[in-house]
Protein backbone atom coordinates (compact mmCIF):
# COMPACT_ATOMS: atom_id res chain seq x y z
CA MET A 1 43.37 -122.89 -24.77
CA SER A 2 46.30 -122.23 -22.47
CA GLU A 3 44.65 -118.90 -21.52
CA ARG A 4 41.71 -120.84 -20.56
CA ARG A 5 43.57 -123.27 -18.26
CA ILE A 6 45.26 -120.37 -16.49
CA LEU A 7 41.81 -118.76 -15.81
CA LEU A 8 40.62 -121.86 -14.59
CA SER A 9 43.44 -122.94 -12.17
CA LEU A 10 43.21 -119.18 -10.88
CA CYS A 11 39.34 -119.64 -9.88
CA LEU A 12 40.38 -123.04 -8.26
CA MET A 13 42.88 -121.31 -6.12
CA SER A 14 40.40 -118.36 -5.36
CA ALA A 15 37.77 -120.90 -4.40
CA ALA A 16 40.27 -122.80 -2.35
CA ALA A 17 41.08 -119.55 -0.50
CA LEU A 18 37.47 -118.93 0.42
CA ALA A 19 36.65 -122.54 1.33
CA PRO A 20 34.89 -122.79 4.60
CA GLY A 21 36.21 -123.92 7.51
CA GLN A 22 39.58 -122.50 6.48
CA SER A 23 40.71 -119.15 8.72
CA PRO A 24 43.50 -116.94 7.72
CA SER A 25 46.84 -117.01 9.57
CA PRO A 26 46.82 -114.96 12.77
CA GLU A 27 48.64 -111.50 12.73
CA PRO A 28 51.82 -111.91 14.67
CA LEU A 29 51.49 -110.01 17.83
CA THR A 30 54.61 -107.81 19.13
CA LEU A 31 55.19 -106.72 22.73
CA GLN A 32 54.56 -103.10 21.75
CA ARG A 33 51.16 -103.81 20.08
CA ALA A 34 50.02 -106.19 22.90
CA VAL A 35 50.88 -103.24 25.49
CA GLU A 36 49.01 -100.68 22.92
CA LEU A 37 46.01 -103.04 23.20
CA ALA A 38 45.84 -103.55 26.82
CA LEU A 39 45.76 -99.79 27.28
CA GLU A 40 42.81 -99.63 25.05
CA ARG A 41 40.93 -102.71 26.47
CA ALA A 42 42.14 -103.78 29.86
CA PRO A 43 38.93 -104.37 32.05
CA SER A 44 40.96 -102.99 35.27
CA LEU A 45 41.95 -100.06 33.61
CA ALA A 46 38.50 -99.04 32.09
CA ALA A 47 37.08 -99.31 35.70
CA ALA A 48 39.72 -97.06 36.80
CA ARG A 49 39.24 -94.48 34.17
CA SER A 50 35.83 -94.51 34.96
CA ALA A 51 36.55 -93.52 38.58
CA ARG A 52 38.66 -90.99 37.55
CA GLU A 53 35.62 -89.46 35.20
CA GLU A 54 33.19 -89.63 38.32
CA ALA A 55 35.77 -87.95 40.57
CA ASP A 56 36.39 -85.15 37.85
CA ALA A 57 32.68 -84.70 37.46
CA ARG A 58 32.27 -84.70 41.29
CA ALA A 59 34.86 -81.97 41.58
CA ALA A 60 33.46 -79.96 38.79
CA LEU A 61 30.26 -80.00 40.44
CA ALA A 62 31.57 -78.58 43.86
CA LYS A 63 32.85 -75.96 41.66
CA ASP A 64 29.94 -75.28 40.01
CA ALA A 65 28.58 -74.15 43.37
CA PHE A 66 30.20 -70.88 42.84
CA HIS A 67 28.70 -70.13 39.29
CA PRO A 68 25.56 -68.20 38.76
CA GLU A 69 22.64 -70.16 38.10
CA ALA A 70 19.09 -68.54 36.97
CA TYR A 71 15.58 -69.95 37.06
CA LEU A 72 12.59 -69.00 35.31
CA THR A 73 9.61 -69.05 37.73
CA THR A 74 5.83 -69.16 38.13
CA THR A 75 3.96 -68.92 41.57
CA PRO A 76 0.42 -69.29 40.96
CA GLY A 77 -1.36 -68.23 44.33
CA TYR A 78 -3.72 -65.85 45.89
CA THR A 79 -3.27 -63.70 49.23
CA TYR A 80 -6.03 -61.97 51.42
CA GLY A 81 -5.26 -59.28 53.58
CA PHE A 82 -1.89 -58.22 53.70
CA PRO A 83 0.32 -59.69 50.86
CA GLY A 84 2.19 -62.66 51.73
CA LEU A 85 4.68 -65.32 50.30
CA VAL A 86 4.36 -68.65 48.79
CA ALA A 87 6.81 -70.93 49.27
CA GLY A 88 9.02 -67.68 49.75
CA HIS A 89 8.13 -66.04 46.75
CA ALA A 90 4.95 -63.61 46.10
CA PRO A 91 2.15 -64.75 44.02
CA SER A 92 3.22 -63.84 40.44
CA LEU A 93 2.77 -64.71 37.02
CA ALA A 94 6.34 -65.24 35.81
CA GLY A 95 9.54 -64.29 37.10
CA VAL A 96 13.49 -64.69 36.47
CA GLU A 97 15.76 -65.18 39.36
CA ILE A 98 19.66 -65.46 39.29
CA HIS A 99 21.93 -66.49 42.08
CA GLN A 100 25.26 -66.09 42.66
CA THR A 101 27.24 -67.62 45.75
CA ILE A 102 30.30 -65.19 46.24
CA PHE A 103 31.91 -66.83 49.29
CA ASP A 104 30.71 -69.53 51.61
CA PRO A 105 33.25 -71.67 53.65
CA SER A 106 31.37 -74.57 53.96
CA ARG A 107 31.13 -74.81 49.85
CA GLY A 108 34.71 -73.75 49.57
CA ALA A 109 35.82 -76.64 51.91
CA GLU A 110 33.78 -79.13 50.04
CA LEU A 111 35.30 -77.91 46.82
CA LEU A 112 38.77 -78.60 48.36
CA ARG A 113 37.49 -82.16 49.39
CA ALA A 114 36.47 -82.84 45.92
CA ARG A 115 39.36 -81.69 44.20
CA ALA A 116 41.34 -83.85 47.03
CA GLY A 117 39.32 -86.95 45.69
CA GLU A 118 40.08 -86.01 42.01
CA ALA A 119 43.71 -86.14 42.99
CA ALA A 120 43.17 -89.56 44.66
CA ALA A 121 41.06 -91.09 41.45
CA ALA A 122 44.32 -89.35 39.08
CA GLY A 123 46.77 -91.13 41.09
CA ALA A 124 44.87 -94.57 40.96
CA PHE A 125 44.31 -93.95 37.50
CA GLU A 126 48.01 -93.65 36.62
CA ARG A 127 49.21 -96.65 38.83
CA SER A 128 46.75 -98.81 37.28
CA CYS A 129 47.75 -97.75 33.92
CA ARG A 130 51.59 -99.01 35.00
CA GLN A 131 50.17 -101.78 36.61
CA THR A 132 48.32 -102.90 32.93
CA VAL A 133 51.56 -102.24 31.08
CA GLU A 134 53.51 -104.22 33.58
CA ALA A 135 51.05 -106.98 33.53
CA THR A 136 51.17 -107.08 29.91
CA VAL A 137 54.92 -107.40 29.50
CA VAL A 138 54.77 -110.28 32.21
CA ALA A 139 52.23 -112.23 30.58
CA TYR A 140 53.98 -111.60 26.99
CA ALA A 141 56.89 -112.81 28.41
CA ARG A 142 55.51 -115.98 30.30
CA ALA A 143 53.87 -116.83 26.93
CA TRP A 144 57.13 -116.66 25.23
CA ALA A 145 58.80 -118.38 28.04
CA ASP A 146 56.40 -121.19 27.98
CA ARG A 147 56.36 -121.65 24.11
CA LEU A 148 60.69 -122.32 24.28
CA ALA A 149 59.62 -124.51 27.56
CA THR A 150 57.29 -126.48 25.27
CA ASP A 151 59.70 -127.20 22.71
CA ALA A 152 62.24 -128.28 25.11
CA ALA A 153 59.67 -130.69 26.65
CA ARG A 154 58.59 -132.24 23.52
CA ARG A 155 62.46 -133.05 22.63
CA ARG A 156 63.10 -134.38 26.11
CA MET A 157 59.83 -136.61 25.61
CA ASP A 158 60.72 -137.58 22.10
CA ALA A 159 64.35 -138.83 23.41
CA ALA A 160 62.95 -140.32 26.29
CA GLU A 161 60.42 -142.72 24.50
CA SER A 162 63.10 -143.24 21.95
CA LEU A 163 65.06 -144.50 25.41
CA ALA A 164 62.31 -146.41 26.42
CA LYS A 165 61.68 -148.38 22.69
CA ARG A 166 65.33 -148.99 22.79
CA SER A 167 65.09 -150.36 26.20
CA ALA A 168 62.27 -152.60 25.44
CA SER A 169 64.09 -154.14 22.68
CA LEU A 170 66.82 -154.80 24.74
CA THR A 171 64.67 -156.68 27.33
CA GLN A 172 63.11 -158.48 24.80
CA GLU A 173 66.71 -160.02 23.67
CA GLY A 174 67.41 -160.68 27.72
CA ARG A 175 70.05 -158.10 27.62
CA GLN A 176 68.49 -155.82 30.18
CA THR A 177 66.14 -156.52 33.13
CA GLU A 178 62.54 -155.65 33.50
CA LEU A 179 63.61 -153.37 36.45
CA GLU A 180 65.75 -151.40 33.99
CA LEU A 181 62.77 -150.99 31.62
CA GLU A 182 60.43 -150.13 34.14
CA ARG A 183 62.77 -147.47 35.30
CA VAL A 184 63.25 -145.93 31.64
CA LYS A 185 59.36 -146.26 31.04
CA LEU A 186 59.02 -143.93 34.18
CA ARG A 187 61.42 -141.57 32.79
CA ALA A 188 59.36 -141.23 29.48
CA ALA A 189 56.43 -141.03 31.40
CA ARG A 190 57.52 -138.14 33.27
CA ALA A 191 58.64 -136.51 30.21
CA ARG A 192 55.45 -136.77 28.89
CA GLN A 193 53.83 -135.24 32.02
CA LYS A 194 56.29 -132.54 31.93
CA LEU A 195 55.07 -131.52 28.22
CA LEU A 196 51.60 -131.81 29.34
CA ASN A 197 52.52 -129.20 32.24
CA ALA A 198 54.35 -126.99 29.84
CA GLN A 199 51.32 -127.03 27.23
CA SER A 200 48.74 -126.11 30.16
CA ASP A 201 51.05 -123.23 31.61
CA LEU A 202 51.19 -121.84 27.81
CA ASP A 203 47.30 -121.97 27.22
CA LEU A 204 46.56 -120.31 30.61
CA ASP A 205 49.29 -117.75 30.17
CA GLN A 206 48.28 -116.94 26.46
CA LEU A 207 44.53 -117.05 27.97
CA GLU A 208 45.94 -114.39 30.61
CA LEU A 209 47.37 -112.21 27.84
CA LYS A 210 44.21 -112.45 25.83
CA ARG A 211 42.18 -111.24 28.62
CA LEU A 212 44.37 -108.22 28.79
CA ILE A 213 44.35 -106.98 25.18
CA GLY A 214 40.81 -107.92 24.59
CA TRP A 215 41.00 -110.90 22.36
CA PRO A 216 38.42 -113.98 22.23
CA ALA A 217 39.78 -117.13 24.18
CA SER A 218 39.48 -118.98 20.70
CA ALA A 219 41.67 -116.61 18.69
CA ALA A 220 44.92 -117.92 17.76
CA LEU A 221 48.03 -116.17 19.39
CA VAL A 222 51.35 -115.73 17.92
CA LEU A 223 54.04 -113.90 19.34
CA ALA A 224 56.41 -112.34 17.16
CA SER A 225 59.04 -110.44 19.13
CA ASP A 226 61.55 -111.61 22.03
CA PRO A 227 60.41 -109.47 24.87
CA ALA A 228 63.90 -109.10 26.40
CA SER A 229 65.16 -107.47 23.58
CA ALA A 230 62.31 -104.74 24.07
CA LEU A 231 63.13 -103.65 27.66
CA GLY A 232 65.56 -101.32 28.49
CA GLU A 233 68.32 -101.35 31.26
CA ALA A 234 67.72 -100.03 34.72
CA GLU A 235 71.19 -100.01 36.53
CA GLU A 236 71.32 -96.36 37.84
CA PRO A 237 71.97 -96.46 41.19
CA GLU A 238 69.16 -94.07 42.53
CA ASN A 239 66.44 -96.61 41.96
CA LEU A 240 64.60 -95.42 45.17
CA THR A 241 65.02 -91.59 44.42
CA ALA A 242 63.38 -92.06 40.99
CA ALA A 243 60.78 -94.44 42.14
CA ARG A 244 59.78 -91.48 44.54
CA SER A 245 59.87 -88.89 42.42
CA SER A 246 57.72 -90.88 39.70
CA ASP A 247 55.31 -92.33 41.74
CA PRO A 248 51.80 -91.57 40.82
CA GLU A 249 50.21 -92.63 44.06
CA LEU A 250 52.75 -90.63 46.10
CA GLN A 251 52.48 -87.57 43.83
CA ALA A 252 48.82 -87.88 44.26
CA LEU A 253 48.89 -88.16 48.17
CA GLU A 254 50.98 -84.79 48.14
CA GLY A 255 48.59 -82.94 46.14
CA GLN A 256 45.63 -84.44 48.33
CA ILE A 257 47.62 -83.36 51.63
CA GLY A 258 47.83 -79.72 50.52
CA LEU A 259 44.08 -79.69 49.51
CA LEU A 260 42.99 -81.10 52.64
CA GLU A 261 45.14 -78.79 54.76
CA LYS A 262 43.50 -75.89 53.03
CA SER A 263 39.86 -77.51 53.78
CA ALA A 264 40.89 -77.66 57.36
CA GLY A 265 41.54 -74.29 57.22
CA TYR A 266 38.29 -73.36 55.94
CA GLU A 267 36.48 -75.61 58.38
CA ALA A 268 38.22 -73.68 61.19
CA LYS A 269 36.86 -70.63 60.32
CA ARG A 270 33.25 -71.33 59.96
CA TRP A 271 32.84 -67.63 61.52
CA LEU A 272 33.37 -66.24 58.40
CA PRO A 273 30.28 -64.88 56.92
CA VAL A 274 28.35 -66.21 53.84
CA ILE A 275 27.91 -63.80 50.80
CA GLU A 276 25.52 -64.19 48.15
CA ALA A 277 24.24 -61.87 45.28
CA SER A 278 20.59 -62.02 43.93
CA LEU A 279 18.60 -60.82 41.05
CA GLN A 280 14.99 -61.04 41.01
CA TYR A 281 12.17 -60.22 38.89
CA GLN A 282 8.54 -60.87 39.18
CA ARG A 283 5.42 -60.08 37.18
CA LEU A 284 3.00 -59.81 39.88
CA ALA A 285 -0.75 -60.54 39.24
CA LYS A 286 -3.21 -58.02 39.66
CA PHE A 287 -6.34 -59.83 41.08
CA ASN A 288 -4.07 -60.19 44.45
CA ASN A 289 -5.25 -56.66 45.24
CA TYR A 290 -1.83 -55.35 45.66
CA ASP A 291 -2.88 -51.84 44.68
CA LYS A 292 -5.05 -51.43 48.03
CA TYR A 293 -2.10 -51.71 49.98
CA TYR A 294 0.65 -49.85 47.91
CA LEU A 295 -0.37 -46.34 46.74
CA THR A 296 2.03 -46.46 43.57
CA PHE A 297 1.78 -50.31 42.90
CA THR A 298 3.43 -51.74 39.47
CA PRO A 299 3.06 -55.25 38.44
CA ASP A 300 6.70 -55.17 37.43
CA SER A 301 8.72 -56.35 40.50
CA VAL A 302 12.61 -56.02 40.43
CA ALA A 303 15.00 -56.83 43.49
CA LEU A 304 18.50 -56.51 43.17
CA GLY A 305 20.90 -57.06 46.47
CA VAL A 306 23.84 -58.84 48.43
CA SER A 307 23.06 -60.97 51.29
CA ILE A 308 25.45 -61.31 54.04
CA GLY A 309 25.23 -64.05 56.61
CA ILE A 310 27.44 -64.74 59.81
CA PRO A 311 26.70 -67.96 61.77
CA LEU A 312 26.05 -67.84 65.37
CA TRP A 313 24.91 -71.52 66.17
CA THR A 314 25.54 -74.36 63.94
CA GLY A 315 24.19 -76.97 66.29
CA GLY A 316 27.59 -79.06 66.43
CA ARG A 317 27.97 -78.91 62.39
CA ALA A 318 30.96 -77.06 62.57
CA THR A 319 32.88 -78.69 65.10
CA ASP A 320 31.91 -82.44 63.53
CA SER A 321 33.25 -81.13 60.12
CA LEU A 322 36.14 -79.70 61.51
CA ARG A 323 36.92 -82.95 63.20
CA GLY A 324 36.28 -84.88 59.92
CA ALA A 325 38.76 -82.71 57.94
CA ARG A 326 41.34 -83.16 60.41
CA ALA A 327 40.81 -87.00 60.33
CA ARG A 328 41.09 -86.94 56.42
CA LEU A 329 44.33 -84.93 56.57
CA ASP A 330 45.62 -87.33 59.14
CA ARG A 331 44.64 -90.26 56.94
CA ALA A 332 46.23 -88.71 53.74
CA GLN A 333 49.80 -87.97 55.80
CA ALA A 334 49.63 -91.54 57.24
CA GLU A 335 49.04 -93.00 53.81
CA ARG A 336 52.05 -90.92 52.63
CA ALA A 337 54.19 -92.42 55.11
CA GLY A 338 53.05 -95.97 54.11
CA ARG A 339 53.52 -95.35 50.62
CA GLU A 340 57.09 -94.18 51.12
CA SER A 341 57.90 -97.37 53.21
CA ASP A 342 56.05 -99.89 50.54
CA LEU A 343 58.34 -98.11 47.73
CA THR A 344 61.43 -98.52 49.75
CA ILE A 345 60.52 -102.43 50.11
CA ALA A 346 59.53 -102.77 46.60
CA VAL A 347 62.58 -101.10 45.37
CA GLN A 348 64.83 -103.29 47.34
CA ARG A 349 63.23 -106.44 46.49
CA ALA A 350 63.46 -105.66 42.52
CA GLU A 351 66.89 -104.68 42.82
CA ALA A 352 67.36 -107.99 44.84
CA ALA A 353 65.44 -109.93 42.27
CA VAL A 354 67.29 -108.62 39.29
CA ALA A 355 70.69 -109.32 40.83
CA SER A 356 69.67 -112.87 41.89
CA ALA A 357 68.05 -113.67 38.23
CA ALA A 358 71.05 -111.90 36.49
CA ALA A 359 73.24 -114.47 38.44
CA GLU A 360 71.12 -117.37 37.90
CA ARG A 361 70.63 -116.56 33.88
CA SER A 362 74.28 -116.52 33.74
CA LEU A 363 74.59 -119.92 35.42
CA ALA A 364 71.82 -121.21 33.19
CA MET A 365 73.43 -119.79 29.67
CA ARG A 366 76.72 -121.63 30.74
CA SER A 367 75.03 -124.68 31.62
CA ARG A 368 72.87 -124.67 28.00
CA GLY A 369 76.38 -124.03 26.43
CA ILE A 370 77.91 -126.85 27.86
CA ALA A 371 74.99 -128.82 26.98
CA GLU A 372 75.21 -127.75 23.51
CA GLN A 373 78.93 -128.52 22.84
CA THR A 374 78.40 -132.12 24.83
CA LEU A 375 75.41 -132.69 22.13
CA GLU A 376 77.60 -131.77 19.12
CA GLU A 377 80.65 -134.00 20.66
CA THR A 378 78.31 -137.10 20.93
CA ARG A 379 77.08 -136.54 17.39
CA LEU A 380 80.77 -136.48 16.07
CA LEU A 381 81.54 -139.65 17.99
CA LEU A 382 78.52 -141.25 16.93
CA ARG A 383 79.44 -140.44 13.36
CA GLU A 384 82.69 -142.10 13.97
CA GLY A 385 81.30 -144.90 15.38
CA ARG A 386 82.89 -144.13 19.02
CA SER A 387 79.40 -143.47 20.54
CA GLY A 388 75.83 -145.08 20.56
CA THR A 389 72.16 -143.89 20.24
CA THR A 390 71.46 -144.09 23.59
CA ASP A 391 74.36 -141.64 24.45
CA LEU A 392 72.78 -139.09 21.93
CA ASP A 393 69.37 -139.48 23.56
CA GLU A 394 70.68 -138.65 26.96
CA ARG A 395 72.52 -135.52 25.91
CA GLU A 396 69.01 -134.71 23.96
CA ILE A 397 67.41 -134.79 27.28
CA ALA A 398 70.23 -132.93 28.96
CA LEU A 399 69.84 -130.05 26.42
CA ALA A 400 66.41 -129.90 26.94
CA ASP A 401 66.70 -129.68 30.76
CA ALA A 402 69.28 -126.67 30.12
CA GLU A 403 67.11 -124.78 27.79
CA GLU A 404 63.95 -125.31 29.92
CA GLU A 405 66.07 -123.87 33.29
CA ALA A 406 67.53 -121.03 30.29
CA ALA A 407 63.66 -120.14 29.77
CA LYS A 408 63.13 -120.07 33.14
CA ALA A 409 65.94 -117.88 33.96
CA ASP A 410 65.50 -115.16 31.19
CA LEU A 411 61.73 -115.14 32.39
CA SER A 412 62.84 -114.19 36.04
CA ALA A 413 65.22 -111.93 34.81
CA LEU A 414 62.86 -110.39 32.54
CA GLN A 415 60.33 -109.86 35.33
CA GLY A 416 62.98 -108.48 37.61
CA ARG A 417 63.54 -105.73 35.03
CA ALA A 418 59.99 -105.10 34.39
CA SER A 419 59.27 -104.54 37.88
CA LEU A 420 62.23 -102.23 38.26
CA LEU A 421 61.44 -100.27 35.53
CA ALA A 422 57.84 -99.93 36.35
CA LEU A 423 58.82 -98.30 39.64
CA ARG A 424 61.14 -95.96 38.09
CA GLY A 425 58.32 -95.08 35.71
CA GLU A 426 60.41 -96.18 32.62
CA LEU A 427 58.50 -99.12 31.52
CA ALA A 428 55.94 -97.28 29.37
CA ARG A 429 58.72 -95.23 27.78
CA SER A 430 60.63 -98.39 26.99
CA MET A 431 57.42 -99.91 25.42
CA LEU A 432 55.74 -96.83 23.94
CA GLY A 433 58.48 -93.86 23.84
CA THR A 434 56.45 -91.98 26.19
CA GLU A 435 56.16 -91.63 30.02
CA ARG A 436 52.26 -91.03 29.98
CA PRO A 437 50.72 -93.86 27.88
CA CYS A 438 47.28 -93.50 29.41
CA ARG A 439 45.57 -90.12 28.47
CA THR A 440 42.99 -88.92 30.61
CA PRO A 441 39.57 -88.45 29.17
């Protein structure tokens, strides 16, 4: 009988576990896992990856212009009188043509331009990768801080409502004026509004994090790790040097300038010849009466040779191409100078933000420590009968305010550190242990 009861209990427990309307508890999400998911699913990174693939394909296509190409041809046709050509081919039953471009300044310049575009797309992809990592870290940190702020706001509201209830009792007993009651009620209403604001911020920041990591908006989100403990420090004095040496956009611009300089050199040498090799075989049709014009006619026609063409007039195309090449080079050089200036300002701003956030965080920690000690002292005095519950609620509100300020200070400090680490190219290594988290296709 006991075994049957045990079996029945297990069946009931299984049925309860599989009951409709109940969902399993969500898996805790660590910061590292959030970054990994964002690198796989972030929409902006997917767009940058597609742009990179397109640029790679364009460069490969330009390079293919110097590869041999073969065609299987047929030219049905008939000529009367002296043998002529149809669309550049003698009338034939079938043929095979092989072409190879050996040297062409125009196509060489086009290849260099395509490779410059490939370098630009690679730089944009790497920059988008870094921005995705930084955005994910910041979104995770905001959601973490929002949760702390929400907890503090809830304790503040509970203490404020307790004060309001006590004030209402004192007013009914005639020991307090209606004006004092309205002030306490207004304070409680503001505490409720702060809780609503904190909950709204939490929902929005969680929604942003879900968008980055590709989670459904309705999915539960449980943060499992303190983001501050996952970031390394960036206290080296040469932040600007490290930022310039690791910036993907600046590196891409350096590569573009070198390629565009070579491209402009090709454009300036349009007098160079175009050299092409060709091999052609054709099976000629006898009904064209080729034997009337050739004493030793054979239907098998083979042609092999090299074509060398030197341009004389190009109708202004060479001049316009050279002007365009120089303009592209000037633009890349100007973008490099602008990026160097932007990096200098960004590093200085990040350093100032880190220093300011560190000072604010130190003050916030001191304020929270004082509020905690004051609350403990008030509780001790309350147990000894030397203080009242009103003072205890006031200390609870003061501690909630201090914890909210501490959460904001922690968030500001983390954002500054994340920005500086991202500029130095070390944020991905802090999260994933690698400097290049985005693998190119």
